[in-house]
Amino acid sequence: MATAATERLRNYLEAFHSFGAAQQPAWLRALRERGFARFAEAGFPTTRDEDWRFTNVSAIAQTPFQLARDLRGSGVYGETLDACRIPGAACQLVFVNGRFAAQLSELGNLPETVKVASLAQVITDSSKSVEAHLGSYLNIERDAFCALNTAFIEDGAYVYLPRGTVIEAPICFLFISLPGHEPEMTNPRNLVVAEDSTEASVVEDYVSLGSGISFSNAVTELVAGENAVISHYLIEREDRQAYNVSTLRTQQARSSNVSSHSVLLGGGLVRNNVHPVLAGEGGECLINGLFIGNGRQHIDNYMLVEHASPHCSSRQFYNGILDGRSHGVFHGRIIVHKDAQKTDAKQTNRNLLLSDDAQIDTKPQLEIYADDVKCTHGATIGQVEENALFYMRSRGIEESAARGLLLLAFANECLDRMKSTPVREYLHELVQGWLPGTSSRGRTDRDEAVERQEPGRRWEEVG
């Protein structure tokens, strides 16, 4: 066992040394070295770690991933890009296997003072603008996947919004995975810096073209200045053989308002980490999400909200719809620090299980070190309401259509909280096609074939 683990670490070590760090500035080389040192020390988490008790990542740990090939010159069909474009977007940056593809991107007509570009290019042109923020907020000591991403920082999206900027249309990033014959890994790193009194929406969208084993380990650091109003959207709809681990780390200044919206649809093993820190007095935070699982999908949502200053409020709303033998996880943790008096925090997780084999583990959690707070949490697990189904059928609606309407209404509880109209309408159409029983996406012949090959596979089992 130790020999196998050593061999797997050697694969990452060889990839790290061949990564071309010599062309990077000294501060970035030092950051990457710290990341790899921490990853080598910690290794991948196991179910013995409390934050990962419901999710076994041994399938990732045991797979000999190589860094993804540079396929920016490969043909990506126009209809595929068109289907992934949000109408009315301010711009769309496209990344293929983690690298910026300028020929596929649309930069739009943003104000000259706004910077939306490839992170790699910004580091090359003016690294000082990135150095002050990149890696300053992410806790690589806590999460080995964040350390791994830091070790392999290469490219991603960079957004800079100067003071007072208001952009109504969403800024979109599309990350396309093109799987090969061998397992491949990408580590997108995104940085969003919104100065005081700014307002914008940012969308991250992860898709697969073709089938194959791939691993996307993405990290986004979002810095919100005083009175900033920023909405972040994560869409995950990759192939069923894909592994996706994403981390959103937000740092909020005084009176800022940050919303995180996640819609998780695809992937075989998905982990969604959201970690906001309300560092300034009077900050507000919304964490809103929808996850839909089928087949043997495993979708894990880990929320860690830190109230570090007084008079801040946070809300968490996550809805899950699980069918087949899928497994969902919601682990919501709110930490109220000693000085965070007058905190107002609420956490709600609601889940629908559509089959006897579907499973959900939900763990709302509060850690309160202040004495003048208002905090609540709760979770529900149930099935489609039979009375509502009967009511609709009694009025001439057939059962499958009635069930679909009820599921859509449940999903819309999350979609209706999204402020950006173009994004909300786009996701409304997208989610309709992924709801169980509403299209072929709910279950395919290939999904059944995979289950036959892995008759006993459950992601939560200890490897």
Protein backbone atom coordinates (compact mmCIF):
# COMPACT_ATOMS: atom_id res chain seq x y z
CA MET A 1 0.00 0.00 0.00
CA ALA A 2 2.81 2.42 0.93
CA THR A 3 4.65 1.57 -2.28
CA ALA A 4 1.57 2.33 -4.38
CA ALA A 5 1.06 5.65 -2.59
CA THR A 6 4.72 6.54 -3.12
CA GLU A 7 4.45 5.72 -6.81
CA ARG A 8 1.36 7.91 -7.18
CA LEU A 9 3.14 10.80 -5.45
CA ARG A 10 6.10 10.30 -7.79
CA ASN A 11 3.78 10.83 -10.75
CA TYR A 12 2.70 14.20 -9.36
CA LEU A 13 6.30 15.09 -8.48
CA GLU A 14 7.47 14.42 -12.03
CA ALA A 15 4.60 16.47 -13.41
CA PHE A 16 5.42 19.30 -11.01
CA HIS A 17 9.10 19.45 -12.00
CA SER A 18 8.25 19.37 -15.70
CA PHE A 19 5.74 22.18 -15.37
CA GLY A 20 7.94 25.00 -16.65
CA ALA A 21 8.21 26.99 -13.42
CA ALA A 22 11.43 28.64 -14.62
CA GLN A 23 9.43 31.00 -16.81
CA GLN A 24 7.26 32.14 -13.90
CA PRO A 25 7.99 35.03 -11.49
CA ALA A 26 9.72 34.16 -8.23
CA TRP A 27 6.69 34.84 -6.06
CA LEU A 28 4.58 32.42 -8.10
CA ARG A 29 7.25 29.72 -8.03
CA ALA A 30 7.37 30.06 -4.23
CA LEU A 31 3.57 29.84 -4.00
CA ARG A 32 3.50 26.73 -6.17
CA GLU A 33 6.29 25.11 -4.16
CA ARG A 34 4.40 25.72 -0.91
CA GLY A 35 1.32 24.18 -2.46
CA PHE A 36 3.12 21.05 -3.61
CA ALA A 37 4.93 20.66 -0.28
CA ARG A 38 1.61 20.77 1.54
CA PHE A 39 0.00 18.31 -0.88
CA ALA A 40 2.92 15.90 -0.53
CA GLU A 41 2.69 16.15 3.25
CA ALA A 42 -1.09 15.73 3.55
CA GLY A 43 -1.94 13.44 0.64
CA PHE A 44 -5.52 12.97 -0.46
CA PRO A 45 -8.18 13.07 2.28
CA THR A 46 -9.92 9.91 3.48
CA THR A 47 -13.27 9.20 5.09
CA ARG A 48 -11.50 9.39 8.44
CA ASP A 49 -11.28 13.16 7.91
CA GLU A 50 -14.42 14.77 9.31
CA ASP A 51 -14.84 17.09 6.32
CA TRP A 52 -14.78 14.06 4.00
CA ARG A 53 -16.55 11.44 6.06
CA PHE A 54 -19.30 10.89 3.47
CA THR A 55 -17.08 10.92 0.38
CA ASN A 56 -14.32 8.53 -0.57
CA VAL A 57 -11.86 10.00 -3.08
CA SER A 58 -9.70 6.88 -3.40
CA ALA A 59 -10.77 6.60 -7.05
CA ILE A 60 -9.03 9.95 -7.65
CA ALA A 61 -6.04 9.07 -5.48
CA GLN A 62 -5.47 5.75 -7.22
CA THR A 63 -5.78 7.01 -10.79
CA PRO A 64 -2.48 7.96 -12.49
CA PHE A 65 -3.59 11.33 -13.83
CA GLN A 66 -1.37 13.20 -16.25
CA LEU A 67 -1.52 16.91 -16.97
CA ALA A 68 -4.08 17.50 -19.71
CA ARG A 69 -2.84 17.94 -23.25
CA ASP A 70 -2.89 21.36 -24.89
CA LEU A 71 -5.77 20.98 -27.34
CA ARG A 72 -6.61 24.62 -27.94
CA GLY A 73 -6.06 24.06 -31.66
CA SER A 74 -8.51 21.19 -31.81
CA GLY A 75 -11.84 21.72 -33.50
CA VAL A 76 -14.63 22.57 -31.08
CA TYR A 77 -17.94 22.57 -32.86
CA GLY A 78 -19.67 25.90 -33.13
CA GLU A 79 -23.05 24.49 -32.16
CA THR A 80 -21.52 23.20 -28.93
CA LEU A 81 -20.22 26.65 -28.04
CA ASP A 82 -23.50 28.25 -29.04
CA ALA A 83 -25.40 25.88 -26.73
CA CYS A 84 -23.13 26.90 -23.86
CA ARG A 85 -23.40 30.64 -24.40
CA ILE A 86 -25.68 32.60 -22.11
CA PRO A 87 -27.69 35.08 -24.20
CA GLY A 88 -26.84 38.67 -23.38
CA ALA A 89 -23.53 37.88 -21.67
CA ALA A 90 -21.01 40.72 -21.46
CA CYS A 91 -18.25 38.35 -22.59
CA GLN A 92 -17.30 34.67 -22.60
CA LEU A 93 -13.78 33.37 -22.04
CA VAL A 94 -13.33 29.77 -23.23
CA PHE A 95 -10.76 27.40 -21.77
CA VAL A 96 -9.93 24.05 -23.36
CA ASN A 97 -8.34 21.54 -21.00
CA GLY A 98 -7.64 24.37 -18.59
CA ARG A 99 -5.94 26.71 -21.08
CA PHE A 100 -7.32 29.93 -22.55
CA ALA A 101 -8.52 29.57 -26.15
CA ALA A 102 -8.60 33.09 -27.57
CA GLN A 103 -10.02 32.02 -30.93
CA LEU A 104 -13.11 30.54 -29.24
CA SER A 105 -13.67 33.43 -26.83
CA GLU A 106 -15.82 36.54 -27.15
CA LEU A 107 -14.47 39.50 -25.19
CA GLY A 108 -17.47 41.77 -25.83
CA ASN A 109 -17.47 45.53 -25.21
CA LEU A 110 -16.45 45.93 -21.60
CA PRO A 111 -15.36 49.32 -20.21
CA GLU A 112 -11.66 50.01 -20.75
CA THR A 113 -10.99 50.12 -17.02
CA VAL A 114 -12.36 46.59 -16.53
CA LYS A 115 -9.92 43.73 -16.97
CA VAL A 116 -11.22 40.30 -18.00
CA ALA A 117 -8.48 38.04 -19.31
CA SER A 118 -6.49 34.85 -19.04
CA LEU A 119 -4.75 34.61 -15.67
CA ALA A 120 -1.60 33.30 -17.35
CA GLN A 121 -1.47 36.32 -19.64
CA VAL A 122 -2.03 38.78 -16.80
CA ILE A 123 0.79 37.18 -14.80
CA THR A 124 3.06 37.53 -17.81
CA ASP A 125 2.12 41.15 -18.53
CA SER A 126 1.69 42.61 -15.04
CA SER A 127 2.13 40.07 -12.27
CA LYS A 128 2.04 42.77 -9.54
CA SER A 129 -1.71 43.14 -10.03
CA VAL A 130 -2.15 39.44 -9.25
CA GLU A 131 0.53 38.93 -6.62
CA ALA A 132 -1.32 40.85 -3.90
CA HIS A 133 -4.32 38.53 -4.03
CA LEU A 134 -3.52 35.15 -5.59
CA GLY A 135 -3.19 32.58 -2.82
CA SER A 136 -3.68 35.16 -0.06
CA TYR A 137 -7.09 33.83 1.03
CA LEU A 138 -7.12 30.13 0.18
CA ASN A 139 -6.29 27.77 3.05
CA ILE A 140 -4.06 25.10 1.54
CA GLU A 141 -3.39 23.69 5.01
CA ARG A 142 -7.02 22.68 5.35
CA ASP A 143 -7.68 21.11 1.95
CA ALA A 144 -5.22 18.98 -0.02
CA PHE A 145 -7.12 19.63 -3.26
CA CYS A 146 -6.54 23.37 -2.83
CA ALA A 147 -2.87 22.65 -2.23
CA LEU A 148 -2.76 20.51 -5.38
CA ASN A 149 -4.40 23.26 -7.42
CA THR A 150 -1.91 25.81 -6.07
CA ALA A 151 1.00 23.56 -7.00
CA PHE A 152 -0.19 23.41 -10.61
CA ILE A 153 -1.33 26.98 -11.15
CA GLU A 154 -1.08 27.65 -14.87
CA ASP A 155 -4.15 29.37 -16.27
CA GLY A 156 -7.71 30.38 -15.53
CA ALA A 157 -9.85 33.49 -15.57
CA TYR A 158 -8.92 36.89 -14.15
CA VAL A 159 -11.42 39.68 -13.47
CA TYR A 160 -10.61 43.12 -12.12
CA LEU A 161 -13.42 45.60 -11.44
CA PRO A 162 -12.23 49.10 -10.46
CA ARG A 163 -14.07 51.15 -7.87
CA GLY A 164 -17.65 52.09 -8.78
CA THR A 165 -17.94 49.73 -11.77
CA VAL A 166 -21.40 48.31 -12.52
CA ILE A 167 -21.76 45.60 -15.17
CA GLU A 168 -25.31 44.37 -15.63
CA ALA A 169 -24.64 41.54 -18.11
CA PRO A 170 -22.91 38.39 -16.78
CA ILE A 171 -19.20 37.72 -17.27
CA CYS A 172 -18.92 34.09 -18.37
CA PHE A 173 -16.13 31.49 -18.28
CA LEU A 174 -16.57 28.19 -20.11
CA PHE A 175 -14.21 25.35 -19.16
CA ILE A 176 -14.27 22.54 -21.73
CA SER A 177 -12.71 19.14 -21.00
CA LEU A 178 -11.65 17.04 -23.97
CA PRO A 179 -10.91 13.61 -22.44
CA GLY A 180 -8.27 11.41 -24.05
CA HIS A 181 -7.39 7.73 -23.91
CA GLU A 182 -5.47 8.24 -20.65
CA PRO A 183 -6.78 9.93 -17.47
CA GLU A 184 -6.00 13.65 -17.52
CA MET A 185 -6.10 16.42 -14.91
CA THR A 186 -6.68 20.16 -15.11
CA ASN A 187 -6.32 22.72 -12.32
CA PRO A 188 -8.11 25.94 -13.36
CA ARG A 189 -7.33 28.88 -11.07
CA ASN A 190 -9.59 31.93 -11.17
CA LEU A 191 -9.20 35.28 -9.45
CA VAL A 192 -11.95 37.91 -9.19
CA VAL A 193 -11.07 41.25 -7.59
CA ALA A 194 -14.02 43.62 -7.13
CA GLU A 195 -13.13 46.94 -5.57
CA ASP A 196 -15.45 49.14 -3.48
CA SER A 197 -19.00 49.86 -4.73
CA THR A 198 -18.83 47.49 -7.68
CA GLU A 199 -21.60 45.27 -9.02
CA ALA A 200 -21.29 42.29 -11.37
CA SER A 201 -22.18 38.64 -12.01
CA VAL A 202 -19.60 35.95 -12.83
CA VAL A 203 -20.45 32.52 -14.28
CA GLU A 204 -18.20 29.43 -14.27
CA ASP A 205 -19.44 26.61 -16.52
CA TYR A 206 -17.77 23.17 -16.68
CA VAL A 207 -18.65 20.83 -19.55
CA SER A 208 -17.21 17.73 -21.24
CA LEU A 209 -16.96 17.05 -24.95
CA GLY A 210 -16.69 13.32 -25.46
CA SER A 211 -16.39 10.55 -22.90
CA GLY A 212 -13.37 9.58 -20.86
CA ILE A 213 -11.78 9.79 -17.43
CA SER A 214 -10.90 13.37 -16.50
CA PHE A 215 -10.32 15.29 -13.30
CA SER A 216 -11.05 19.00 -12.94
CA ASN A 217 -9.72 20.54 -9.73
CA ALA A 218 -10.81 24.19 -9.86
CA VAL A 219 -10.27 27.02 -7.38
CA THR A 220 -11.74 30.53 -7.45
CA GLU A 221 -10.73 33.33 -5.11
CA LEU A 222 -13.21 36.20 -5.01
CA VAL A 223 -12.36 39.45 -3.22
CA ALA A 224 -15.29 41.84 -2.61
CA GLY A 225 -14.53 45.39 -1.48
CA GLU A 226 -16.72 47.63 0.64
CA ASN A 227 -20.33 47.88 -0.59
CA ALA A 228 -19.59 45.53 -3.51
CA VAL A 229 -22.48 43.41 -4.81
CA ILE A 230 -21.16 40.30 -6.57
CA SER A 231 -23.00 37.18 -7.73
CA HIS A 232 -21.06 34.02 -8.54
CA TYR A 233 -22.59 31.13 -10.49
CA LEU A 234 -21.16 27.62 -10.83
CA ILE A 235 -22.58 25.23 -13.44
CA GLU A 236 -21.24 21.67 -13.53
CA ARG A 237 -22.50 19.31 -16.28
CA GLU A 238 -19.59 17.08 -17.17
CA ASP A 239 -19.44 13.48 -18.37
CA ARG A 240 -20.36 10.68 -15.95
CA GLN A 241 -16.73 9.50 -15.95
CA ALA A 242 -15.50 12.92 -14.84
CA TYR A 243 -14.29 13.87 -11.38
CA ASN A 244 -14.88 17.49 -10.43
CA VAL A 245 -13.67 19.23 -7.26
CA SER A 246 -14.35 22.97 -7.09
CA THR A 247 -13.61 25.48 -4.36
CA LEU A 248 -14.95 29.02 -4.06
CA ARG A 249 -13.20 31.14 -1.45
CA THR A 250 -14.67 34.62 -0.94
CA GLN A 251 -13.29 37.47 1.17
CA GLN A 252 -15.86 40.13 2.01
CA ALA A 253 -15.20 43.66 3.22
CA ARG A 254 -17.54 45.98 5.08
CA SER A 255 -21.17 46.07 3.86
CA SER A 256 -20.44 43.86 0.88
CA ASN A 257 -23.01 41.44 -0.52
CA VAL A 258 -21.87 38.21 -2.20
CA SER A 259 -24.12 35.49 -3.59
CA SER A 260 -22.95 32.00 -4.52
CA HIS A 261 -25.24 29.92 -6.76
CA SER A 262 -24.34 26.34 -7.69
CA VAL A 263 -26.14 24.06 -10.15
CA LEU A 264 -24.60 20.56 -10.18
CA LEU A 265 -25.91 18.18 -12.80
CA GLY A 266 -23.18 15.98 -14.28
CA GLY A 267 -20.01 14.21 -13.24
CA GLY A 268 -19.47 10.87 -11.57
CA LEU A 269 -17.87 12.20 -8.38
CA VAL A 270 -18.43 15.89 -7.61
CA ARG A 271 -17.32 17.92 -4.60
CA ASN A 272 -18.47 21.54 -4.30
CA ASN A 273 -16.71 23.63 -1.63
CA VAL A 274 -17.96 27.12 -0.79
CA HIS A 275 -16.05 29.08 1.87
CA PRO A 276 -17.03 32.71 2.43
CA VAL A 277 -15.44 34.82 5.16
CA LEU A 278 -17.44 37.86 6.25
CA ALA A 279 -14.44 39.89 7.36
CA GLY A 280 -16.07 43.33 7.39
CA GLU A 281 -18.91 44.62 9.53
CA GLY A 282 -22.38 44.55 7.98
CA GLY A 283 -21.59 42.02 5.24
CA GLU A 284 -24.22 39.77 3.69
CA CYS A 285 -23.81 36.37 2.08
CA LEU A 286 -26.18 34.04 0.22
CA ILE A 287 -25.22 30.44 -0.59
CA ASN A 288 -27.80 28.89 -2.87
CA GLY A 289 -27.59 25.61 -4.71
CA LEU A 290 -29.35 22.84 -6.61
CA PHE A 291 -27.95 19.37 -7.25
CA ILE A 292 -29.57 16.64 -9.34
CA GLY A 293 -28.20 13.09 -9.25
CA ASN A 294 -29.02 9.89 -11.10
CA GLY A 295 -27.39 6.54 -11.86
CA ARG A 296 -24.44 6.17 -9.48
CA GLN A 297 -23.51 9.84 -9.28
CA HIS A 298 -22.04 11.13 -6.04
CA ILE A 299 -22.49 14.86 -5.37
CA ASP A 300 -20.99 16.35 -2.20
CA ASN A 301 -21.65 19.94 -1.10
CA TYR A 302 -19.45 21.34 1.67
CA MET A 303 -20.31 24.82 2.95
CA LEU A 304 -18.12 26.64 5.48
CA VAL A 305 -19.33 30.14 6.40
CA GLU A 306 -17.17 32.19 8.74
CA HIS A 307 -18.68 35.18 10.52
CA ALA A 308 -15.59 37.13 11.58
CA SER A 309 -17.17 40.58 12.14
CA PRO A 310 -20.33 41.87 13.85
CA HIS A 311 -23.68 42.71 12.26
CA CYS A 312 -23.29 40.26 9.36
CA SER A 313 -25.93 37.94 7.95
CA SER A 314 -25.75 34.75 5.90
CA ARG A 315 -28.32 32.47 4.30
CA GLN A 316 -27.83 28.95 2.95
CA PHE A 317 -30.45 27.21 0.81
CA TYR A 318 -29.62 23.93 -0.92
CA ASN A 319 -32.07 21.60 -2.67
CA GLY A 320 -31.21 18.10 -3.85
CA ILE A 321 -33.07 15.74 -6.22
CA LEU A 322 -31.71 12.19 -6.26
CA ASP A 323 -32.79 9.22 -8.35
CA GLY A 324 -31.36 5.81 -9.24
CA ARG A 325 -28.52 4.84 -6.90
CA SER A 326 -27.14 8.35 -6.62
CA HIS A 327 -25.76 9.70 -3.37
CA GLY A 328 -25.93 13.32 -2.25
CA VAL A 329 -24.17 15.05 0.62
CA PHE A 330 -24.82 18.39 2.28
CA HIS A 331 -22.38 19.40 5.00
CA GLY A 332 -23.11 22.96 6.06
CA ARG A 333 -20.97 24.53 8.75
CA ILE A 334 -21.38 28.02 10.20
CA ILE A 335 -18.65 29.40 12.46
CA VAL A 336 -19.44 32.54 14.45
CA HIS A 337 -16.23 33.99 15.85
CA LYS A 338 -16.00 35.63 19.25
CA ASP A 339 -16.19 39.21 17.99
CA ALA A 340 -19.03 38.56 15.53
CA GLN A 341 -21.85 39.81 17.73
CA LYS A 342 -25.30 40.42 16.20
CA THR A 343 -24.75 37.65 13.66
CA ASP A 344 -27.86 36.48 11.80
CA ALA A 345 -27.36 33.12 10.07
CA LYS A 346 -29.77 30.57 8.63
CA GLN A 347 -29.13 27.24 6.98
CA THR A 348 -31.67 25.05 5.15
CA ASN A 349 -31.20 21.84 3.18
CA ARG A 350 -34.16 20.16 1.44
CA ASN A 351 -33.96 16.87 -0.45
CA LEU A 352 -36.19 14.67 -2.59
CA LEU A 353 -35.40 10.97 -2.97
CA LEU A 354 -37.08 9.51 -6.04
CA SER A 355 -36.00 5.89 -5.64
CA ASP A 356 -35.46 3.41 -2.82
CA ASP A 357 -31.74 3.22 -3.62
CA ALA A 358 -31.04 6.96 -3.64
CA GLN A 359 -29.25 8.26 -0.53
CA ILE A 360 -28.62 11.60 1.13
CA ASP A 361 -26.36 12.48 4.06
CA THR A 362 -27.05 15.90 5.49
CA LYS A 363 -25.21 17.54 8.36
CA PRO A 364 -26.10 21.13 9.28
CA GLN A 365 -23.66 22.41 11.88
CA LEU A 366 -23.22 25.51 14.05
CA GLU A 367 -20.13 26.63 15.99
CA ILE A 368 -20.93 29.77 17.96
CA TYR A 369 -18.37 31.62 20.08
CA ALA A 370 -20.35 34.86 20.47
CA ASP A 371 -23.28 35.34 22.86
CA ASP A 372 -25.56 37.74 20.96
CA VAL A 373 -26.51 35.93 17.76
CA LYS A 374 -29.50 34.52 15.89
CA CYS A 375 -28.64 31.25 14.15
CA THR A 376 -30.85 28.42 12.91
CA HIS A 377 -30.39 25.34 10.78
CA GLY A 378 -32.54 22.51 9.48
CA ALA A 379 -32.80 19.74 6.91
CA THR A 380 -35.63 17.73 5.37
CA ILE A 381 -35.66 14.50 3.37
CA GLY A 382 -38.78 13.29 1.60
CA GLN A 383 -40.43 12.12 -1.59
CA VAL A 384 -42.72 13.73 -4.15
CA GLU A 385 -45.89 14.80 -2.34
CA GLU A 386 -48.55 12.22 -3.18
CA ASN A 387 -51.44 14.56 -2.41
CA ALA A 388 -50.12 17.18 -4.82
CA LEU A 389 -49.57 14.48 -7.44
CA PHE A 390 -53.11 13.18 -6.98
CA TYR A 391 -54.53 16.71 -7.20
CA MET A 392 -52.84 17.32 -10.54
CA ARG A 393 -53.80 13.92 -11.97
CA SER A 394 -57.41 14.49 -10.97
CA ARG A 395 -57.39 17.50 -13.27
CA GLY A 396 -56.34 15.58 -16.32
CA ILE A 397 -52.54 15.84 -16.10
CA GLU A 398 -50.83 12.50 -16.71
CA GLU A 399 -48.57 11.20 -13.97
CA SER A 400 -45.19 11.74 -15.67
CA ALA A 401 -46.05 15.33 -16.58
CA ALA A 402 -47.41 16.04 -13.09
CA ARG A 403 -44.30 14.60 -11.47
CA GLY A 404 -42.10 16.68 -13.78
CA LEU A 405 -43.98 19.86 -12.85
CA LEU A 406 -43.55 19.16 -9.14
CA LEU A 407 -39.83 18.51 -9.55
CA LEU A 408 -39.43 21.69 -11.58
CA ALA A 409 -41.24 23.69 -8.91
CA PHE A 410 -38.86 22.24 -6.31
CA ALA A 411 -35.85 23.15 -8.45
CA ASN A 412 -37.21 26.64 -9.11
CA GLU A 413 -37.02 27.40 -5.40
CA CYS A 414 -33.27 27.75 -5.96
CA LEU A 415 -33.37 29.24 -9.45
CA ASP A 416 -35.76 32.00 -8.39
CA ARG A 417 -33.15 33.32 -5.92
CA MET A 418 -30.80 34.16 -8.79
CA LYS A 419 -30.64 37.87 -9.46
CA SER A 420 -29.24 37.82 -13.01
CA THR A 421 -32.16 37.40 -15.41
CA PRO A 422 -30.11 35.99 -18.35
CA VAL A 423 -28.47 33.39 -16.13
CA ARG A 424 -31.69 32.46 -14.37
CA GLU A 425 -33.58 31.97 -17.64
CA TYR A 426 -30.72 29.99 -19.17
CA LEU A 427 -30.53 27.68 -16.14
CA HIS A 428 -34.30 27.24 -16.10
CA GLU A 429 -34.14 25.74 -19.59
CA LEU A 430 -31.03 23.71 -18.77
CA VAL A 431 -32.41 22.20 -15.58
CA GLN A 432 -35.63 21.12 -17.27
CA GLY A 433 -33.61 18.83 -19.52
CA TRP A 434 -31.74 17.24 -16.61
CA LEU A 435 -34.64 16.49 -14.28
CA PRO A 436 -35.18 12.71 -13.83
CA GLY A 437 -37.80 11.35 -16.19
CA THR A 438 -37.93 14.48 -18.37
CA SER A 439 -35.28 13.54 -20.95
CA SER A 440 -32.70 10.96 -21.93
CA ARG A 441 -30.13 12.85 -19.86
CA GLY A 442 -31.68 11.43 -16.70
CA ARG A 443 -30.35 7.98 -17.53
CA THR A 444 -28.52 6.57 -20.55
CA ASP A 445 -27.52 3.16 -21.81
CA ARG A 446 -23.90 4.03 -21.06
CA ASP A 447 -24.79 4.77 -17.44
CA GLU A 448 -26.33 1.32 -17.14
CA ALA A 449 -23.25 -0.25 -18.75
CA VAL A 450 -21.00 1.50 -16.24
CA GLU A 451 -23.12 0.19 -13.38
CA ARG A 452 -22.84 -3.36 -14.72
CA GLN A 453 -19.06 -2.98 -14.78
CA GLU A 454 -18.99 -1.65 -11.21
CA PRO A 455 -21.86 -3.49 -9.51
CA GLY A 456 -20.85 -2.60 -5.99
CA ARG A 457 -19.24 0.81 -6.40
CA ARG A 458 -20.27 3.44 -3.87
CA TRP A 459 -18.24 6.62 -3.49
CA GLU A 460 -18.82 6.82 0.25
CA GLU A 461 -17.27 3.43 0.94
CA VAL A 462 -13.84 3.30 2.51
CA GLY A 463 -11.23 2.29 -0.07
